[in-house]
Amino acid sequence: MPEDLKLPARQSGCCLSECLHEIRSSRVLLHRKSQHGRTCPQNNYGRIFKTNACPDAYSYAYDDATSTFTCSSASGKASGYIISFCG
C-alpha cells in the first residue's frame, strides 16, 4: 500500500480512498459528494492496485461502468446501508 494512503497505526488495515487523499493532500477543505466520476476522478492509485495486485477488484467508484451501482433515498438523505465484508 502506498505510504501516503495509510492511516495511523491505531486504524491498522485501513487506508484513504483516492478522493479523500487528494482532498487532504491539497489542504483544501471541501465538502463534496462523489456522485459521478467528474467529482473525484481516478488517479494512479486505482490503476496500480488493479494492475499489480487485484485485477478483478473494484478499486474506484467509477472504474467499471458495467458493475457500478448507485442509489439515493427519496429524501436525498443518507440511505443508511451497512456494508459488511467477510473472508
Protein backbone atom coordinates (compact mmCIF):
# COMPACT_ATOMS: atom_id res chain seq x y z
CA MET A 1 0.00 0.00 0.00
CA PRO A 2 1.40 3.44 -0.84
CA GLU A 3 2.63 5.21 2.31
CA ASP A 4 0.60 8.35 1.68
CA LEU A 5 -2.68 6.39 1.67
CA LYS A 6 -2.03 4.68 5.02
CA LEU A 7 -3.89 5.86 8.09
CA PRO A 8 -2.35 5.98 11.61
CA ALA A 9 -1.41 2.67 13.26
CA ARG A 10 -4.48 2.71 15.52
CA GLN A 11 -6.56 2.24 12.38
CA SER A 12 -4.43 -0.63 11.11
CA GLY A 13 -5.58 -2.18 7.87
CA CYS A 14 -7.41 0.93 6.73
CA CYS A 15 -6.46 3.40 4.06
CA LEU A 16 -7.71 6.60 2.49
CA SER A 17 -9.66 6.48 -0.72
CA GLU A 18 -8.14 8.25 -3.71
CA CYS A 19 -10.64 11.07 -3.38
CA LEU A 20 -10.01 11.66 0.33
CA HIS A 21 -6.27 11.53 -0.26
CA GLU A 22 -6.49 14.16 -3.00
CA ILE A 23 -8.61 16.47 -0.85
CA ARG A 24 -6.38 16.01 2.21
CA SER A 25 -3.11 16.44 0.32
CA SER A 26 -4.28 19.62 -1.39
CA ARG A 27 -5.06 21.09 2.07
CA VAL A 28 -8.35 22.38 0.75
CA LEU A 29 -11.35 21.83 2.98
CA LEU A 30 -14.15 20.72 0.73
CA HIS A 31 -17.43 19.02 1.40
CA ARG A 32 -18.23 17.21 -1.81
CA LYS A 33 -20.08 14.03 -2.51
CA SER A 34 -18.72 11.78 -5.20
CA GLN A 35 -21.92 11.46 -7.20
CA HIS A 36 -20.20 10.97 -10.52
CA GLY A 37 -16.70 10.37 -11.86
CA ARG A 38 -16.09 14.06 -12.58
CA THR A 39 -16.45 14.96 -8.89
CA CYS A 40 -13.44 12.91 -7.89
CA PRO A 41 -11.63 11.47 -10.91
CA GLN A 42 -9.43 8.41 -10.59
CA ASN A 43 -5.69 8.90 -10.16
CA ASN A 44 -2.84 6.40 -10.43
CA TYR A 45 -3.51 4.53 -7.17
CA GLY A 46 -6.54 2.68 -8.51
CA ARG A 47 -4.67 1.73 -11.65
CA ILE A 48 -1.71 0.46 -9.58
CA PHE A 49 -3.94 -1.75 -7.40
CA LYS A 50 -5.82 -3.17 -10.38
CA THR A 51 -2.71 -3.72 -12.49
CA ASN A 52 -0.29 -5.05 -9.87
CA ALA A 53 -2.38 -6.61 -7.12
CA CYS A 54 -6.04 -7.31 -7.80
CA PRO A 55 -7.12 -7.03 -11.43
CA ASP A 56 -10.69 -8.07 -10.60
CA ALA A 57 -11.00 -5.70 -7.63
CA TYR A 58 -13.36 -2.77 -7.59
CA SER A 59 -10.85 -0.09 -6.61
CA TYR A 60 -12.66 3.08 -7.60
CA ALA A 61 -16.32 4.02 -7.59
CA TYR A 62 -16.46 4.50 -11.35
CA ASP A 63 -13.75 2.17 -12.68
CA ASP A 64 -16.21 -0.26 -14.26
CA ALA A 65 -19.45 1.07 -15.73
CA THR A 66 -20.88 -2.46 -16.01
CA SER A 67 -20.80 -3.05 -12.25
CA THR A 68 -21.35 0.41 -10.78
CA PHE A 69 -24.49 0.63 -8.69
CA THR A 70 -25.60 3.88 -7.10
CA CYS A 71 -28.75 4.79 -5.25
CA SER A 72 -30.13 7.56 -3.10
CA SER A 73 -33.06 7.86 -0.78
CA ALA A 74 -36.23 9.67 -1.82
CA SER A 75 -35.50 12.42 0.72
CA GLY A 76 -31.94 12.92 -0.52
CA LYS A 77 -30.56 11.98 2.91
CA ALA A 78 -28.18 9.14 3.63
CA SER A 79 -29.67 5.77 2.75
CA GLY A 80 -28.42 4.04 5.91
CA TYR A 81 -26.86 0.99 4.27
CA ILE A 82 -24.43 -1.20 6.16
CA ILE A 83 -21.75 -2.87 4.08
CA SER A 84 -20.08 -5.91 5.63
CA PHE A 85 -17.02 -7.68 4.28
CA CYS A 86 -16.25 -11.27 5.15
CA GLY A 87 -13.41 -13.52 4.11
